[in-house]
Amino acid sequence: MSHIPTVDLVRTGENIVRLRKAAGLSVRDLQLALGFASPQAIYKWQKGVCLPTVDNLLILAELLRVTIDDILIVNFLICA
């Protein structure tokens, strides 16, 4: 048997919201820091529709004062 890691999009999105609030940042703060024209990407991350790119994960981790591992919620699938 092997364990295959997968990112839980919805739980990761909820985690981004929690970490953002704990850091005292608004969606607008993240939008400006990441240089986005609109906040749509951030809302998609928070809703678990998609994940930030690796570059944006690095920036997000720095802004939230956490590691990338602290942001991502990983599940392990068991395969025979």
PDB file of N, CA and C in Angstrom:
ATOM      1  N   MET A   1       0.844  -1.192   0.000  1.00  0.00           N
ATOM      2  CA  MET A   1       0.000   0.000   0.000  1.00  0.00           C
ATOM      3  C   MET A   1       0.882   1.245   0.000  1.00  0.00           C
ATOM      4  N   SER A   2       0.370   2.276  -0.643  1.00  0.00           N
ATOM      5  CA  SER A   2       1.087   3.549  -0.644  1.00  0.00           C
ATOM      6  C   SER A   2       0.132   4.669  -0.240  1.00  0.00           C
ATOM      7  N   HIS A   3       0.707   5.736   0.245  1.00  0.00           N
ATOM      8  CA  HIS A   3      -0.062   6.904   0.663  1.00  0.00           C
ATOM      9  C   HIS A   3       0.247   8.036  -0.306  1.00  0.00           C
ATOM     10  N   ILE A   4      -0.789   8.529  -0.947  1.00  0.00           N
ATOM     11  CA  ILE A   4      -0.615   9.597  -1.926  1.00  0.00           C
ATOM     12  C   ILE A   4      -1.169  10.896  -1.339  1.00  0.00           C
ATOM     13  N   PRO A   5      -0.317  11.925  -1.206  1.00  0.00           N
ATOM     14  CA  PRO A   5      -0.802  13.188  -0.641  1.00  0.00           C
ATOM     15  C   PRO A   5      -1.645  13.963  -1.652  1.00  0.00           C
ATOM     16  N   THR A   6      -2.733  14.531  -1.180  1.00  0.00           N
ATOM     17  CA  THR A   6      -3.573  15.418  -1.993  1.00  0.00           C
ATOM     18  C   THR A   6      -3.921  16.641  -1.151  1.00  0.00           C
ATOM     19  N   VAL A   7      -4.016  17.780  -1.802  1.00  0.00           N
ATOM     20  CA  VAL A   7      -4.377  19.011  -1.096  1.00  0.00           C
ATOM     21  C   VAL A   7      -5.900  19.104  -1.028  1.00  0.00           C
ATOM     22  N   ASP A   8      -6.413  19.304   0.161  1.00  0.00           N
ATOM     23  CA  ASP A   8      -7.851  19.508   0.366  1.00  0.00           C
ATOM     24  C   ASP A   8      -8.147  20.978   0.078  1.00  0.00           C
ATOM     25  N   LEU A   9      -8.747  21.244  -1.080  1.00  0.00           N
ATOM     26  CA  LEU A   9      -8.970  22.626  -1.516  1.00  0.00           C
ATOM     27  C   LEU A   9      -9.871  23.407  -0.564  1.00  0.00           C
ATOM     28  N   VAL A  10     -10.963  22.802  -0.146  1.00  0.00           N
ATOM     29  CA  VAL A  10     -11.923  23.521   0.704  1.00  0.00           C
ATOM     30  C   VAL A  10     -11.322  23.817   2.071  1.00  0.00           C
ATOM     31  N   ARG A  11     -10.709  22.817   2.681  1.00  0.00           N
ATOM     32  CA  ARG A  11     -10.115  23.043   4.003  1.00  0.00           C
ATOM     33  C   ARG A  11      -8.924  23.995   3.927  1.00  0.00           C
ATOM     34  N   THR A  12      -8.164  23.948   2.827  1.00  0.00           N
ATOM     35  CA  THR A  12      -7.071  24.892   2.649  1.00  0.00           C
ATOM     36  C   THR A  12      -7.621  26.306   2.521  1.00  0.00           C
ATOM     37  N   GLY A  13      -8.706  26.461   1.780  1.00  0.00           N
ATOM     38  CA  GLY A  13      -9.348  27.773   1.652  1.00  0.00           C
ATOM     39  C   GLY A  13      -9.810  28.312   2.993  1.00  0.00           C
ATOM     40  N   GLU A  14     -10.432  27.451   3.785  1.00  0.00           N
ATOM     41  CA  GLU A  14     -10.865  27.858   5.125  1.00  0.00           C
ATOM     42  C   GLU A  14      -9.659  28.240   5.977  1.00  0.00           C
ATOM     43  N   ASN A  15      -8.569  27.529   5.790  1.00  0.00           N
ATOM     44  CA  ASN A  15      -7.348  27.820   6.534  1.00  0.00           C
ATOM     45  C   ASN A  15      -6.760  29.166   6.133  1.00  0.00           C
ATOM     46  N   ILE A  16      -6.805  29.474   4.839  1.00  0.00           N
ATOM     47  CA  ILE A  16      -6.322  30.772   4.380  1.00  0.00           C
ATOM     48  C   ILE A  16      -7.121  31.895   5.034  1.00  0.00           C
ATOM     49  N   VAL A  17      -8.429  31.734   5.110  1.00  0.00           N
ATOM     50  CA  VAL A  17      -9.277  32.738   5.771  1.00  0.00           C
ATOM     51  C   VAL A  17      -8.862  32.890   7.231  1.00  0.00           C
ATOM     52  N   ARG A  18      -8.707  31.762   7.921  1.00  0.00           N
ATOM     53  CA  ARG A  18      -8.348  31.790   9.352  1.00  0.00           C
ATOM     54  C   ARG A  18      -6.995  32.458   9.564  1.00  0.00           C
ATOM     55  N   LEU A  19      -6.011  32.078   8.753  1.00  0.00           N
ATOM     56  CA  LEU A  19      -4.672  32.645   8.897  1.00  0.00           C
ATOM     57  C   LEU A  19      -4.646  34.126   8.537  1.00  0.00           C
ATOM     58  N   ARG A  20      -5.402  34.495   7.517  1.00  0.00           N
ATOM     59  CA  ARG A  20      -5.467  35.910   7.114  1.00  0.00           C
ATOM     60  C   ARG A  20      -6.028  36.754   8.248  1.00  0.00           C
ATOM     61  N   LYS A  21      -7.110  36.282   8.837  1.00  0.00           N
ATOM     62  CA  LYS A  21      -7.728  37.028   9.940  1.00  0.00           C
ATOM     63  C   LYS A  21      -6.804  37.082  11.153  1.00  0.00           C
ATOM     64  N   ALA A  22      -6.130  35.964  11.438  1.00  0.00           N
ATOM     65  CA  ALA A  22      -5.207  35.922  12.581  1.00  0.00           C
ATOM     66  C   ALA A  22      -4.052  36.905  12.380  1.00  0.00           C
ATOM     67  N   ALA A  23      -3.676  37.127  11.121  1.00  0.00           N
ATOM     68  CA  ALA A  23      -2.592  38.075  10.818  1.00  0.00           C
ATOM     69  C   ALA A  23      -3.097  39.512  10.752  1.00  0.00           C
ATOM     70  N   GLY A  24      -4.409  39.695  10.919  1.00  0.00           N
ATOM     71  CA  GLY A  24      -4.981  41.035  10.895  1.00  0.00           C
ATOM     72  C   GLY A  24      -5.025  41.656   9.498  1.00  0.00           C
ATOM     73  N   LEU A  25      -5.107  40.801   8.474  1.00  0.00           N
ATOM     74  CA  LEU A  25      -5.122  41.292   7.101  1.00  0.00           C
ATOM     75  C   LEU A  25      -6.491  41.112   6.458  1.00  0.00           C
ATOM     76  N   SER A  26      -6.842  42.049   5.614  1.00  0.00           N
ATOM     77  CA  SER A  26      -8.084  41.946   4.851  1.00  0.00           C
ATOM     78  C   SER A  26      -7.777  41.339   3.484  1.00  0.00           C
ATOM     79  N   VAL A  27      -8.818  40.958   2.779  1.00  0.00           N
ATOM     80  CA  VAL A  27      -8.643  40.478   1.405  1.00  0.00           C
ATOM     81  C   VAL A  27      -7.994  41.577   0.572  1.00  0.00           C
ATOM     82  N   ARG A  28      -8.410  42.807   0.787  1.00  0.00           N
ATOM     83  CA  ARG A  28      -7.835  43.941   0.062  1.00  0.00           C
ATOM     84  C   ARG A  28      -6.334  44.074   0.350  1.00  0.00           C
ATOM     85  N   ASP A  29      -5.934  43.850   1.599  1.00  0.00           N
ATOM     86  CA  ASP A  29      -4.514  43.892   1.946  1.00  0.00           C
ATOM     87  C   ASP A  29      -3.728  42.867   1.125  1.00  0.00           C
ATOM     88  N   LEU A  30      -4.257  41.651   1.038  1.00  0.00           N
ATOM     89  CA  LEU A  30      -3.593  40.616   0.248  1.00  0.00           C
ATOM     90  C   LEU A  30      -3.566  40.986  -1.230  1.00  0.00           C
ATOM     91  N   GLN A  31      -4.684  41.497  -1.706  1.00  0.00           N
ATOM     92  CA  GLN A  31      -4.772  41.911  -3.115  1.00  0.00           C
ATOM     93  C   GLN A  31      -3.677  42.917  -3.458  1.00  0.00           C
ATOM     94  N   LEU A  32      -3.528  43.916  -2.636  1.00  0.00           N
ATOM     95  CA  LEU A  32      -2.531  44.958  -2.892  1.00  0.00           C
ATOM     96  C   LEU A  32      -1.110  44.403  -2.779  1.00  0.00           C
ATOM     97  N   ALA A  33      -0.865  43.574  -1.757  1.00  0.00           N
ATOM     98  CA  ALA A  33       0.470  43.026  -1.555  1.00  0.00           C
ATOM     99  C   ALA A  33       0.885  42.092  -2.695  1.00  0.00           C
ATOM    100  N   LEU A  34      -0.091  41.370  -3.240  1.00  0.00           N
ATOM    101  CA  LEU A  34       0.191  40.438  -4.330  1.00  0.00           C
ATOM    102  C   LEU A  34       0.155  41.118  -5.700  1.00  0.00           C
ATOM    103  N   GLY A  35      -0.288  42.369  -5.736  1.00  0.00           N
ATOM    104  CA  GLY A  35      -0.326  43.110  -6.989  1.00  0.00           C
ATOM    105  C   GLY A  35      -1.446  42.703  -7.918  1.00  0.00           C
ATOM    106  N   PHE A  36      -2.546  42.200  -7.367  1.00  0.00           N
ATOM    107  CA  PHE A  36      -3.690  41.797  -8.186  1.00  0.00           C
ATOM    108  C   PHE A  36      -4.575  42.996  -8.493  1.00  0.00           C
ATOM    109  N   ALA A  37      -5.124  43.044  -9.697  1.00  0.00           N
ATOM    110  CA  ALA A  37      -6.032  44.117 -10.084  1.00  0.00           C
ATOM    111  C   ALA A  37      -7.380  43.983  -9.367  1.00  0.00           C
ATOM    112  N   SER A  38      -7.775  42.754  -9.067  1.00  0.00           N
ATOM    113  CA  SER A  38      -9.028  42.515  -8.345  1.00  0.00           C
ATOM    114  C   SER A  38      -8.796  41.407  -7.321  1.00  0.00           C
ATOM    115  N   PRO A  39      -9.726  41.257  -6.373  1.00  0.00           N
ATOM    116  CA  PRO A  39      -9.546  40.244  -5.333  1.00  0.00           C
ATOM    117  C   PRO A  39     -10.078  38.861  -5.708  1.00  0.00           C
ATOM    118  N   GLN A  40     -10.524  38.692  -6.946  1.00  0.00           N
ATOM    119  CA  GLN A  40     -11.200  37.456  -7.336  1.00  0.00           C
ATOM    120  C   GLN A  40     -10.372  36.199  -7.057  1.00  0.00           C
ATOM    121  N   ALA A  41      -9.076  36.216  -7.355  1.00  0.00           N
ATOM    122  CA  ALA A  41      -8.239  35.034  -7.118  1.00  0.00           C
ATOM    123  C   ALA A  41      -8.231  34.666  -5.637  1.00  0.00           C
ATOM    124  N   ILE A  42      -8.141  35.666  -4.786  1.00  0.00           N
ATOM    125  CA  ILE A  42      -8.103  35.409  -3.338  1.00  0.00           C
ATOM    126  C   ILE A  42      -9.419  34.800  -2.874  1.00  0.00           C
ATOM    127  N   TYR A  43     -10.533  35.321  -3.385  1.00  0.00           N
ATOM    128  CA  TYR A  43     -11.834  34.738  -3.033  1.00  0.00           C
ATOM    129  C   TYR A  43     -11.930  33.298  -3.518  1.00  0.00           C
ATOM    130  N   LYS A  44     -11.381  32.991  -4.682  1.00  0.00           N
ATOM    131  CA  LYS A  44     -11.392  31.613  -5.190  1.00  0.00           C
ATOM    132  C   LYS A  44     -10.559  30.698  -4.296  1.00  0.00           C
ATOM    133  N   TRP A  45      -9.418  31.192  -3.816  1.00  0.00           N
ATOM    134  CA  TRP A  45      -8.608  30.396  -2.885  1.00  0.00           C
ATOM    135  C   TRP A  45      -9.402  30.115  -1.621  1.00  0.00           C
ATOM    136  N   GLN A  46     -10.027  31.172  -1.077  1.00  0.00           N
ATOM    137  CA  GLN A  46     -10.747  31.053   0.191  1.00  0.00           C
ATOM    138  C   GLN A  46     -11.966  30.147   0.084  1.00  0.00           C
ATOM    139  N   LYS A  47     -12.557  30.055  -1.097  1.00  0.00           N
ATOM    140  CA  LYS A  47     -13.726  29.188  -1.298  1.00  0.00           C
ATOM    141  C   LYS A  47     -13.329  27.772  -1.679  1.00  0.00           C
ATOM    142  N   GLY A  48     -12.033  27.538  -1.876  1.00  0.00           N
ATOM    143  CA  GLY A  48     -11.578  26.203  -2.229  1.00  0.00           C
ATOM    144  C   GLY A  48     -11.807  25.854  -3.687  1.00  0.00           C
ATOM    145  N   VAL A  49     -11.932  26.864  -4.533  1.00  0.00           N
ATOM    146  CA  VAL A  49     -12.121  26.635  -5.965  1.00  0.00           C
ATOM    147  C   VAL A  49     -10.785  26.290  -6.621  1.00  0.00           C
ATOM    148  N   CYS A  50      -9.724  26.937  -6.177  1.00  0.00           N
ATOM    149  CA  CYS A  50      -8.388  26.690  -6.717  1.00  0.00           C
ATOM    150  C   CYS A  50      -7.351  27.056  -5.663  1.00  0.00           C
ATOM    151  N   LEU A  51      -6.101  26.759  -5.984  1.00  0.00           N
ATOM    152  CA  LEU A  51      -4.996  27.059  -5.073  1.00  0.00           C
ATOM    153  C   LEU A  51      -4.148  28.194  -5.617  1.00  0.00           C
ATOM    154  N   PRO A  52      -3.451  28.904  -4.733  1.00  0.00           N
ATOM    155  CA  PRO A  52      -2.480  29.897  -5.207  1.00  0.00           C
ATOM    156  C   PRO A  52      -1.354  29.194  -5.969  1.00  0.00           C
ATOM    157  N   THR A  53      -0.741  29.892  -6.896  1.00  0.00           N
ATOM    158  CA  THR A  53       0.446  29.366  -7.566  1.00  0.00           C
ATOM    159  C   THR A  53       1.560  29.232  -6.534  1.00  0.00           C
ATOM    160  N   VAL A  54       2.600  28.532  -6.882  1.00  0.00           N
ATOM    161  CA  VAL A  54       3.727  28.365  -5.959  1.00  0.00           C
ATOM    162  C   VAL A  54       4.314  29.727  -5.582  1.00  0.00           C
ATOM    163  N   ASP A  55       4.482  30.611  -6.570  1.00  0.00           N
ATOM    164  CA  ASP A  55       4.999  31.954  -6.283  1.00  0.00           C
ATOM    165  C   ASP A  55       4.103  32.687  -5.290  1.00  0.00           C
ATOM    166  N   ASN A  56       2.798  32.618  -5.518  1.00  0.00           N
ATOM    167  CA  ASN A  56       1.867  33.303  -4.623  1.00  0.00           C
ATOM    168  C   ASN A  56       1.805  32.641  -3.249  1.00  0.00           C
ATOM    169  N   LEU A  57       1.996  31.320  -3.191  1.00  0.00           N
ATOM    170  CA  LEU A  57       2.059  30.643  -1.889  1.00  0.00           C
ATOM    171  C   LEU A  57       3.249  31.140  -1.076  1.00  0.00           C
ATOM    172  N   LEU A  58       4.386  31.329  -1.739  1.00  0.00           N
ATOM    173  CA  LEU A  58       5.564  31.862  -1.048  1.00  0.00           C
ATOM    174  C   LEU A  58       5.296  33.244  -0.461  1.00  0.00           C
ATOM    175  N   ILE A  59       4.685  34.103  -1.265  1.00  0.00           N
ATOM    176  CA  ILE A  59       4.364  35.465  -0.809  1.00  0.00           C
ATOM    177  C   ILE A  59       3.327  35.412   0.305  1.00  0.00           C
ATOM    178  N   LEU A  60       2.302  34.588   0.113  1.00  0.00           N
ATOM    179  CA  LEU A  60       1.237  34.463   1.109  1.00  0.00           C
ATOM    180  C   LEU A  60       1.796  33.985   2.450  1.00  0.00           C
ATOM    181  N   ALA A  61       2.669  33.004   2.413  1.00  0.00           N
ATOM    182  CA  ALA A  61       3.279  32.508   3.647  1.00  0.00           C
ATOM    183  C   ALA A  61       4.044  33.620   4.359  1.00  0.00           C
ATOM    184  N   GLU A  62       4.767  34.414   3.602  1.00  0.00           N
ATOM    185  CA  GLU A  62       5.513  35.535   4.187  1.00  0.00           C
ATOM    186  C   GLU A  62       4.559  36.558   4.805  1.00  0.00           C
ATOM    187  N   LEU A  63       3.502  36.904   4.072  1.00  0.00           N
ATOM    188  CA  LEU A  63       2.534  37.895   4.570  1.00  0.00           C
ATOM    189  C   LEU A  63       1.813  37.409   5.827  1.00  0.00           C
ATOM    190  N   LEU A  64       1.511  36.114   5.865  1.00  0.00           N
ATOM    191  CA  LEU A  64       0.778  35.553   6.999  1.00  0.00           C
ATOM    192  C   LEU A  64       1.703  35.124   8.139  1.00  0.00           C
ATOM    193  N   ARG A  65       3.024  35.213   7.889  1.00  0.00           N
ATOM    194  CA  ARG A  65       4.037  34.837   8.873  1.00  0.00           C
ATOM    195  C   ARG A  65       3.922  33.359   9.282  1.00  0.00           C
ATOM    196  N   VAL A  66       3.740  32.513   8.254  1.00  0.00           N
ATOM    197  CA  VAL A  66       3.658  31.064   8.457  1.00  0.00           C
ATOM    198  C   VAL A  66       4.466  30.384   7.348  1.00  0.00           C
ATOM    199  N   THR A  67       4.528  29.068   7.400  1.00  0.00           N
ATOM    200  CA  THR A  67       5.166  28.326   6.320  1.00  0.00           C
ATOM    201  C   THR A  67       4.098  27.871   5.321  1.00  0.00           C
ATOM    202  N   ILE A  68       4.540  27.462   4.158  1.00  0.00           N
ATOM    203  CA  ILE A  68       3.589  26.929   3.170  1.00  0.00           C
ATOM    204  C   ILE A  68       2.881  25.708   3.740  1.00  0.00           C
ATOM    205  N   ASP A  69       3.599  24.882   4.487  1.00  0.00           N
ATOM    206  CA  ASP A  69       2.980  23.718   5.118  1.00  0.00           C
ATOM    207  C   ASP A  69       1.869  24.109   6.085  1.00  0.00           C
ATOM    208  N   ASP A  70       1.980  25.283   6.676  1.00  0.00           N
ATOM    209  CA  ASP A  70       0.928  25.763   7.579  1.00  0.00           C
ATOM    210  C   ASP A  70      -0.321  26.185   6.813  1.00  0.00           C
ATOM    211  N   ILE A  71      -0.166  26.520   5.548  1.00  0.00           N
ATOM    212  CA  ILE A  71      -1.293  26.978   4.728  1.00  0.00           C
ATOM    213  C   ILE A  71      -2.064  25.792   4.134  1.00  0.00           C
ATOM    214  N   LEU A  72      -1.320  24.860   3.566  1.00  0.00           N
ATOM    215  CA  LEU A  72      -1.947  23.740   2.852  1.00  0.00           C
ATOM    216  C   LEU A  72      -2.440  22.674   3.820  1.00  0.00           C
ATOM    217  N   ILE A  73      -3.645  22.189   3.576  1.00  0.00           N
ATOM    218  CA  ILE A  73      -4.210  21.064   4.332  1.00  0.00           C
ATOM    219  C   ILE A  73      -4.093  19.843   3.415  1.00  0.00           C
ATOM    220  N   VAL A  74      -3.309  18.864   3.851  1.00  0.00           N
ATOM    221  CA  VAL A  74      -3.027  17.700   3.024  1.00  0.00           C
ATOM    222  C   VAL A  74      -3.735  16.477   3.589  1.00  0.00           C
ATOM    223  N   ASN A  75      -4.384  15.751   2.691  1.00  0.00           N
ATOM    224  CA  ASN A  75      -4.972  14.448   3.018  1.00  0.00           C
ATOM    225  C   ASN A  75      -4.124  13.391   2.340  1.00  0.00           C
ATOM    226  N   PHE A  76      -4.140  12.186   2.861  1.00  0.00           N
ATOM    227  CA  PHE A  76      -3.396  11.097   2.254  1.00  0.00           C
ATOM    228  C   PHE A  76      -4.366  10.013   1.805  1.00  0.00           C
ATOM    229  N   LEU A  77      -4.359   9.733   0.507  1.00  0.00           N
ATOM    230  CA  LEU A  77      -5.159   8.651  -0.037  1.00  0.00           C
ATOM    231  C   LEU A  77      -4.367   7.361   0.085  1.00  0.00           C
ATOM    232  N   ILE A  78      -5.027   6.299   0.477  1.00  0.00           N
ATOM    233  CA  ILE A  78      -4.366   5.009   0.590  1.00  0.00           C
ATOM    234  C   ILE A  78      -4.696   4.208  -0.656  1.00  0.00           C
ATOM    235  N   CYS A  79      -3.637   3.834  -1.372  1.00  0.00           N
ATOM    236  CA  CYS A  79      -3.804   3.061  -2.602  1.00  0.00           C
ATOM    237  C   CYS A  79      -3.189   1.682  -2.421  1.00  0.00           C
ATOM    238  N   ALA A  80      -3.873   0.705  -2.942  1.00  0.00           N
ATOM    239  CA  ALA A  80      -3.380  -0.682  -2.835  1.00  0.00           C
ATOM    240  C   ALA A  80      -2.325  -0.962  -3.877  1.00  0.00           C
TER     241      ALA A  80
END
